[in-house]
PDB file of N, CA and C in Angstrom:
ATOM      1  N   MET A   1      33.846 -33.448-232.491  1.00  0.00           N
ATOM      2  CA  MET A   1      35.245 -33.506-232.151  1.00  0.00           C
ATOM      3  C   MET A   1      35.460 -33.129-230.680  1.00  0.00           C
ATOM      4  N   GLY A   2      34.552 -32.378-230.082  1.00  0.00           N
ATOM      5  CA  GLY A   2      34.681 -32.024-228.667  1.00  0.00           C
ATOM      6  C   GLY A   2      35.274 -30.637-228.472  1.00  0.00           C
ATOM      7  N   LEU A   3      35.349 -30.256-227.237  1.00  0.00           N
ATOM      8  CA  LEU A   3      35.902 -28.953-226.893  1.00  0.00           C
ATOM      9  C   LEU A   3      37.423 -29.002-226.838  1.00  0.00           C
ATOM     10  N   GLU A   4      38.025 -27.968-227.342  1.00  0.00           N
ATOM     11  CA  GLU A   4      39.466 -27.822-227.195  1.00  0.00           C
ATOM     12  C   GLU A   4      39.738 -27.319-225.777  1.00  0.00           C
ATOM     13  N   ARG A   5      40.938 -27.462-225.344  1.00  0.00           N
ATOM     14  CA  ARG A   5      41.266 -27.096-223.978  1.00  0.00           C
ATOM     15  C   ARG A   5      41.066 -25.606-223.694  1.00  0.00           C
ATOM     16  N   HIS A   6      41.426 -24.736-224.612  1.00  0.00           N
ATOM     17  CA  HIS A   6      41.356 -23.303-224.367  1.00  0.00           C
ATOM     18  C   HIS A   6      40.184 -22.651-225.079  1.00  0.00           C
ATOM     19  N   GLU A   7      39.230 -23.419-225.497  1.00  0.00           N
ATOM     20  CA  GLU A   7      38.069 -22.871-226.188  1.00  0.00           C
ATOM     21  C   GLU A   7      37.043 -22.396-225.162  1.00  0.00           C
ATOM     22  N   PRO A   8      36.542 -21.165-225.287  1.00  0.00           N
ATOM     23  CA  PRO A   8      35.551 -20.679-224.325  1.00  0.00           C
ATOM     24  C   PRO A   8      34.235 -21.439-224.465  1.00  0.00           C
ATOM     25  N   VAL A   9      33.618 -21.741-223.348  1.00  0.00           N
ATOM     26  CA  VAL A   9      32.375 -22.496-223.350  1.00  0.00           C
ATOM     27  C   VAL A   9      31.184 -21.583-223.549  1.00  0.00           C
ATOM     28  N   ALA A  10      31.197 -20.411-222.915  1.00  0.00           N
ATOM     29  CA  ALA A  10      30.045 -19.527-222.928  1.00  0.00           C
ATOM     30  C   ALA A  10      30.000 -18.619-224.153  1.00  0.00           C
ATOM     31  N   GLY A  11      30.913 -18.736-225.051  1.00  0.00           N
ATOM     32  CA  GLY A  11      30.911 -17.878-226.226  1.00  0.00           C
ATOM     33  C   GLY A  11      31.930 -16.765-226.095  1.00  0.00           C
ATOM     34  N   ASP A  12      31.598 -15.618-226.654  1.00  0.00           N
ATOM     35  CA  ASP A  12      32.538 -14.498-226.670  1.00  0.00           C
ATOM     36  C   ASP A  12      32.270 -13.472-225.574  1.00  0.00           C
ATOM     37  N   VAL A  13      31.677 -13.874-224.475  1.00  0.00           N
ATOM     38  CA  VAL A  13      31.409 -12.964-223.367  1.00  0.00           C
ATOM     39  C   VAL A  13      32.695 -12.791-222.558  1.00  0.00           C
ATOM     40  N   PRO A  14      33.178 -11.549-222.418  1.00  0.00           N
ATOM     41  CA  PRO A  14      34.431 -11.320-221.683  1.00  0.00           C
ATOM     42  C   PRO A  14      34.196 -11.358-220.166  1.00  0.00           C
ATOM     43  N   VAL A  15      34.107 -12.538-219.611  1.00  0.00           N
ATOM     44  CA  VAL A  15      33.762 -12.708-218.199  1.00  0.00           C
ATOM     45  C   VAL A  15      34.785 -12.048-217.291  1.00  0.00           C
ATOM     46  N   GLU A  16      36.058 -12.196-217.591  1.00  0.00           N
ATOM     47  CA  GLU A  16      37.098 -11.624-216.738  1.00  0.00           C
ATOM     48  C   GLU A  16      37.010 -10.107-216.701  1.00  0.00           C
ATOM     49  N   ALA A  17      36.761  -9.479-217.838  1.00  0.00           N
ATOM     50  CA  ALA A  17      36.646  -8.025-217.879  1.00  0.00           C
ATOM     51  C   ALA A  17      35.420  -7.552-217.106  1.00  0.00           C
ATOM     52  N   ILE A  18      34.337  -8.288-217.198  1.00  0.00           N
ATOM     53  CA  ILE A  18      33.128  -7.927-216.445  1.00  0.00           C
ATOM     54  C   ILE A  18      33.386  -8.015-214.949  1.00  0.00           C
ATOM     55  N   LEU A  19      34.027  -9.104-214.511  1.00  0.00           N
ATOM     56  CA  LEU A  19      34.343  -9.246-213.089  1.00  0.00           C
ATOM     57  C   LEU A  19      35.298  -8.155-212.612  1.00  0.00           C
ATOM     58  N   ALA A  20      36.265  -7.799-213.434  1.00  0.00           N
ATOM     59  CA  ALA A  20      37.216  -6.747-213.060  1.00  0.00           C
ATOM     60  C   ALA A  20      36.508  -5.400-212.927  1.00  0.00           C
ATOM     61  N   ARG A  21      35.584  -5.107-213.837  1.00  0.00           N
ATOM     62  CA  ARG A  21      34.841  -3.841-213.732  1.00  0.00           C
ATOM     63  C   ARG A  21      33.954  -3.807-212.499  1.00  0.00           C
ATOM     64  N   HIS A  22      33.322  -4.911-212.179  1.00  0.00           N
ATOM     65  CA  HIS A  22      32.474  -4.960-210.987  1.00  0.00           C
ATOM     66  C   HIS A  22      33.307  -4.789-209.718  1.00  0.00           C
ATOM     67  N   THR A  23      34.479  -5.390-209.692  1.00  0.00           N
ATOM     68  CA  THR A  23      35.363  -5.240-208.535  1.00  0.00           C
ATOM     69  C   THR A  23      35.867  -3.801-208.429  1.00  0.00           C
ATOM     70  N   ALA A  24      36.203  -3.194-209.555  1.00  0.00           N
ATOM     71  CA  ALA A  24      36.673  -1.806-209.548  1.00  0.00           C
ATOM     72  C   ALA A  24      35.574  -0.851-209.110  1.00  0.00           C
ATOM     73  N   ARG A  25      34.324  -1.160-209.439  1.00  0.00           N
ATOM     74  CA  ARG A  25      33.222  -0.308-208.985  1.00  0.00           C
ATOM     75  C   ARG A  25      33.100  -0.297-207.474  1.00  0.00           C
ATOM     76  N   ARG A  26      33.400  -1.419-206.856  1.00  0.00           N
ATOM     77  CA  ARG A  26      33.331  -1.480-205.395  1.00  0.00           C
ATOM     78  C   ARG A  26      34.397  -0.595-204.762  1.00  0.00           C
ATOM     79  N   ALA A  27      35.471  -0.353-205.465  1.00  0.00           N
ATOM     80  CA  ALA A  27      36.530   0.513-204.946  1.00  0.00           C
ATOM     81  C   ALA A  27      36.042   1.953-204.805  1.00  0.00           C
ATOM     82  N   ILE A  28      34.999   2.318-205.533  1.00  0.00           N
ATOM     83  CA  ILE A  28      34.430   3.660-205.405  1.00  0.00           C
ATOM     84  C   ILE A  28      33.893   3.872-203.998  1.00  0.00           C
ATOM     85  N   TYR A  29      33.377   2.791-203.391  1.00  0.00           N
ATOM     86  CA  TYR A  29      32.829   2.894-202.046  1.00  0.00           C
ATOM     87  C   TYR A  29      33.874   2.643-200.965  1.00  0.00           C
ATOM     88  N   VAL A  30      34.758   1.710-201.207  1.00  0.00           N
ATOM     89  CA  VAL A  30      35.736   1.317-200.194  1.00  0.00           C
ATOM     90  C   VAL A  30      36.958   2.236-200.203  1.00  0.00           C
ATOM     91  N   GLY A  31      37.359   2.700-201.370  1.00  0.00           N
ATOM     92  CA  GLY A  31      38.556   3.523-201.502  1.00  0.00           C
ATOM     93  C   GLY A  31      38.565   4.763-200.625  1.00  0.00           C
ATOM     94  N   PRO A  32      37.511   5.590-200.655  1.00  0.00           N
ATOM     95  CA  PRO A  32      37.519   6.782-199.791  1.00  0.00           C
ATOM     96  C   PRO A  32      37.588   6.456-198.299  1.00  0.00           C
ATOM     97  N   ILE A  33      37.005   5.340-197.891  1.00  0.00           N
ATOM     98  CA  ILE A  33      37.068   4.953-196.482  1.00  0.00           C
ATOM     99  C   ILE A  33      38.503   4.590-196.104  1.00  0.00           C
ATOM    100  N   VAL A  34      39.160   3.832-196.967  1.00  0.00           N
ATOM    101  CA  VAL A  34      40.560   3.456-196.714  1.00  0.00           C
ATOM    102  C   VAL A  34      41.442   4.696-196.677  1.00  0.00           C
ATOM    103  N   ILE A  35      41.210   5.612-197.584  1.00  0.00           N
ATOM    104  CA  ILE A  35      42.014   6.845-197.642  1.00  0.00           C
ATOM    105  C   ILE A  35      41.772   7.708-196.412  1.00  0.00           C
ATOM    106  N   ALA A  36      40.507   7.810-195.985  1.00  0.00           N
ATOM    107  CA  ALA A  36      40.194   8.600-194.790  1.00  0.00           C
ATOM    108  C   ALA A  36      40.830   7.991-193.538  1.00  0.00           C
ATOM    109  N   LEU A  37      40.790   6.673-193.425  1.00  0.00           N
ATOM    110  CA  LEU A  37      41.425   6.031-192.274  1.00  0.00           C
ATOM    111  C   LEU A  37      42.938   6.221-192.289  1.00  0.00           C
ATOM    112  N   ALA A  38      43.521   6.156-193.471  1.00  0.00           N
ATOM    113  CA  ALA A  38      44.957   6.398-193.572  1.00  0.00           C
ATOM    114  C   ALA A  38      45.294   7.836-193.195  1.00  0.00           C
ATOM    115  N   TRP A  39      44.424   8.772-193.572  1.00  0.00           N
ATOM    116  CA  TRP A  39      44.625  10.177-193.208  1.00  0.00           C
ATOM    117  C   TRP A  39      44.562  10.352-191.689  1.00  0.00           C
ATOM    118  N   LEU A  40      43.600   9.677-191.057  1.00  0.00           N
ATOM    119  CA  LEU A  40      43.453   9.804-189.609  1.00  0.00           C
ATOM    120  C   LEU A  40      44.653   9.239-188.854  1.00  0.00           C
ATOM    121  N   PHE A  41      45.144   8.084-189.298  1.00  0.00           N
ATOM    122  CA  PHE A  41      46.198   7.415-188.545  1.00  0.00           C
ATOM    123  C   PHE A  41      47.605   7.809-188.972  1.00  0.00           C
ATOM    124  N   ARG A  42      47.789   8.233-190.227  1.00  0.00           N
ATOM    125  CA  ARG A  42      49.132   8.525-190.722  1.00  0.00           C
ATOM    126  C   ARG A  42      49.303   9.931-191.295  1.00  0.00           C
ATOM    127  N   GLY A  43      48.229  10.703-191.365  1.00  0.00           N
ATOM    128  CA  GLY A  43      48.334  12.055-191.883  1.00  0.00           C
ATOM    129  C   GLY A  43      48.283  12.087-193.405  1.00  0.00           C
ATOM    130  N   PRO A  44      48.683  13.228-193.971  1.00  0.00           N
ATOM    131  CA  PRO A  44      48.603  13.399-195.426  1.00  0.00           C
ATOM    132  C   PRO A  44      49.461  12.402-196.215  1.00  0.00           C
ATOM    133  N   GLU A  45      50.610  12.036-195.659  1.00  0.00           N
ATOM    134  CA  GLU A  45      51.461  11.070-196.355  1.00  0.00           C
ATOM    135  C   GLU A  45      50.781   9.702-196.421  1.00  0.00           C
ATOM    136  N   GLY A  46      50.097   9.332-195.356  1.00  0.00           N
ATOM    137  CA  GLY A  46      49.362   8.069-195.351  1.00  0.00           C
ATOM    138  C   GLY A  46      48.211   8.075-196.334  1.00  0.00           C
ATOM    139  N   ALA A  47      47.522   9.211-196.425  1.00  0.00           N
ATOM    140  CA  ALA A  47      46.422   9.323-197.386  1.00  0.00           C
ATOM    141  C   ALA A  47      46.941   9.237-198.817  1.00  0.00           C
ATOM    142  N   LEU A  48      48.069   9.858-199.073  1.00  0.00           N
ATOM    143  CA  LEU A  48      48.658   9.785-200.403  1.00  0.00           C
ATOM    144  C   LEU A  48      49.063   8.352-200.747  1.00  0.00           C
ATOM    145  N   ALA A  49      49.659   7.666-199.782  1.00  0.00           N
ATOM    146  CA  ALA A  49      50.063   6.276-200.007  1.00  0.00           C
ATOM    147  C   ALA A  49      48.840   5.381-200.222  1.00  0.00           C
ATOM    148  N   ALA A  50      47.769   5.613-199.454  1.00  0.00           N
ATOM    149  CA  ALA A  50      46.555   4.818-199.616  1.00  0.00           C
ATOM    150  C   ALA A  50      45.905   5.089-200.969  1.00  0.00           C
ATOM    151  N   THR A  51      45.921   6.339-201.401  1.00  0.00           N
ATOM    152  CA  THR A  51      45.374   6.679-202.712  1.00  0.00           C
ATOM    153  C   THR A  51      46.144   5.969-203.815  1.00  0.00           C
ATOM    154  N   LEU A  52      47.444   5.990-203.710  1.00  0.00           N
ATOM    155  CA  LEU A  52      48.280   5.302-204.694  1.00  0.00           C
ATOM    156  C   LEU A  52      48.028   3.793-204.664  1.00  0.00           C
ATOM    157  N   GLY A  53      47.894   3.235-203.475  1.00  0.00           N
ATOM    158  CA  GLY A  53      47.635   1.805-203.351  1.00  0.00           C
ATOM    159  C   GLY A  53      46.300   1.403-203.950  1.00  0.00           C
ATOM    160  N   VAL A  54      45.254   2.180-203.675  1.00  0.00           N
ATOM    161  CA  VAL A  54      43.929   1.882-204.240  1.00  0.00           C
ATOM    162  C   VAL A  54      43.976   1.995-205.761  1.00  0.00           C
ATOM    163  N   ALA A  55      44.650   3.016-206.266  1.00  0.00           N
ATOM    164  CA  ALA A  55      44.738   3.202-207.717  1.00  0.00           C
ATOM    165  C   ALA A  55      45.487   2.042-208.381  1.00  0.00           C
ATOM    166  N   ILE A  56      46.547   1.565-207.752  1.00  0.00           N
ATOM    167  CA  ILE A  56      47.308   0.449-208.319  1.00  0.00           C
ATOM    168  C   ILE A  56      46.472  -0.828-208.322  1.00  0.00           C
ATOM    169  N   VAL A  57      45.759  -1.083-207.233  1.00  0.00           N
ATOM    170  CA  VAL A  57      44.940  -2.297-207.159  1.00  0.00           C
ATOM    171  C   VAL A  57      43.830  -2.271-208.192  1.00  0.00           C
ATOM    172  N   VAL A  58      43.127  -1.143-208.308  1.00  0.00           N
ATOM    173  CA  VAL A  58      42.045  -1.031-209.293  1.00  0.00           C
ATOM    174  C   VAL A  58      42.601  -1.144-210.707  1.00  0.00           C
ATOM    175  N   GLY A  59      43.706  -0.468-210.966  1.00  0.00           N
ATOM    176  CA  GLY A  59      44.330  -0.572-212.286  1.00  0.00           C
ATOM    177  C   GLY A  59      44.766  -1.991-212.608  1.00  0.00           C
ATOM    178  N   ASN A  60      45.270  -2.707-211.604  1.00  0.00           N
ATOM    179  CA  ASN A  60      45.680  -4.093-211.808  1.00  0.00           C
ATOM    180  C   ASN A  60      44.475  -4.968-212.150  1.00  0.00           C
ATOM    181  N   PHE A  61      43.364  -4.784-211.435  1.00  0.00           N
ATOM    182  CA  PHE A  61      42.163  -5.556-211.748  1.00  0.00           C
ATOM    183  C   PHE A  61      41.697  -5.279-213.173  1.00  0.00           C
ATOM    184  N   LEU A  62      41.644  -4.005-213.557  1.00  0.00           N
ATOM    185  CA  LEU A  62      41.156  -3.672-214.899  1.00  0.00           C
ATOM    186  C   LEU A  62      42.096  -4.174-215.990  1.00  0.00           C
ATOM    187  N   LEU A  63      43.388  -4.037-215.765  1.00  0.00           N
ATOM    188  CA  LEU A  63      44.348  -4.495-216.759  1.00  0.00           C
ATOM    189  C   LEU A  63      44.327  -6.017-216.904  1.00  0.00           C
ATOM    190  N   SER A  64      44.275  -6.722-215.781  1.00  0.00           N
ATOM    191  CA  SER A  64      44.250  -8.187-215.875  1.00  0.00           C
ATOM    192  C   SER A  64      42.951  -8.671-216.496  1.00  0.00           C
ATOM    193  N   GLY A  65      41.838  -7.992-216.213  1.00  0.00           N
ATOM    194  CA  GLY A  65      40.580  -8.371-216.856  1.00  0.00           C
ATOM    195  C   GLY A  65      40.629  -8.162-218.359  1.00  0.00           C
ATOM    196  N   ALA A  66      41.250  -7.067-218.775  1.00  0.00           N
ATOM    197  CA  ALA A  66      41.365  -6.807-220.217  1.00  0.00           C
ATOM    198  C   ALA A  66      42.303  -7.804-220.896  1.00  0.00           C
ATOM    199  N   ILE A  67      43.377  -8.158-220.224  1.00  0.00           N
ATOM    200  CA  ILE A  67      44.326  -9.100-220.816  1.00  0.00           C
ATOM    201  C   ILE A  67      43.723 -10.502-220.921  1.00  0.00           C
ATOM    202  N   LEU A  68      43.001 -10.930-219.900  1.00  0.00           N
ATOM    203  CA  LEU A  68      42.452 -12.272-219.883  1.00  0.00           C
ATOM    204  C   LEU A  68      41.230 -12.441-220.784  1.00  0.00           C
ATOM    205  N   SER A  69      40.595 -11.353-221.153  1.00  0.00           N
ATOM    206  CA  SER A  69      39.388 -11.449-221.989  1.00  0.00           C
ATOM    207  C   SER A  69      39.727 -11.557-223.445  1.00  0.00           C
TER     208      SER A  69
END
């Protein structure tokens, strides 16, 4: 009968969740650098804003990966 339009080809492997976790792992290395640079250029308020921004981006990646899987 063929493949349906929304039928996964590779089986039940949650590819989106895996990609989201791998991207979030990279934030462990990049996040502190972004926060430190924000601290240098904008002070404690900048570091707080950068921390919040990194947390929102990582959370968005993880949530979208979980929803799409």
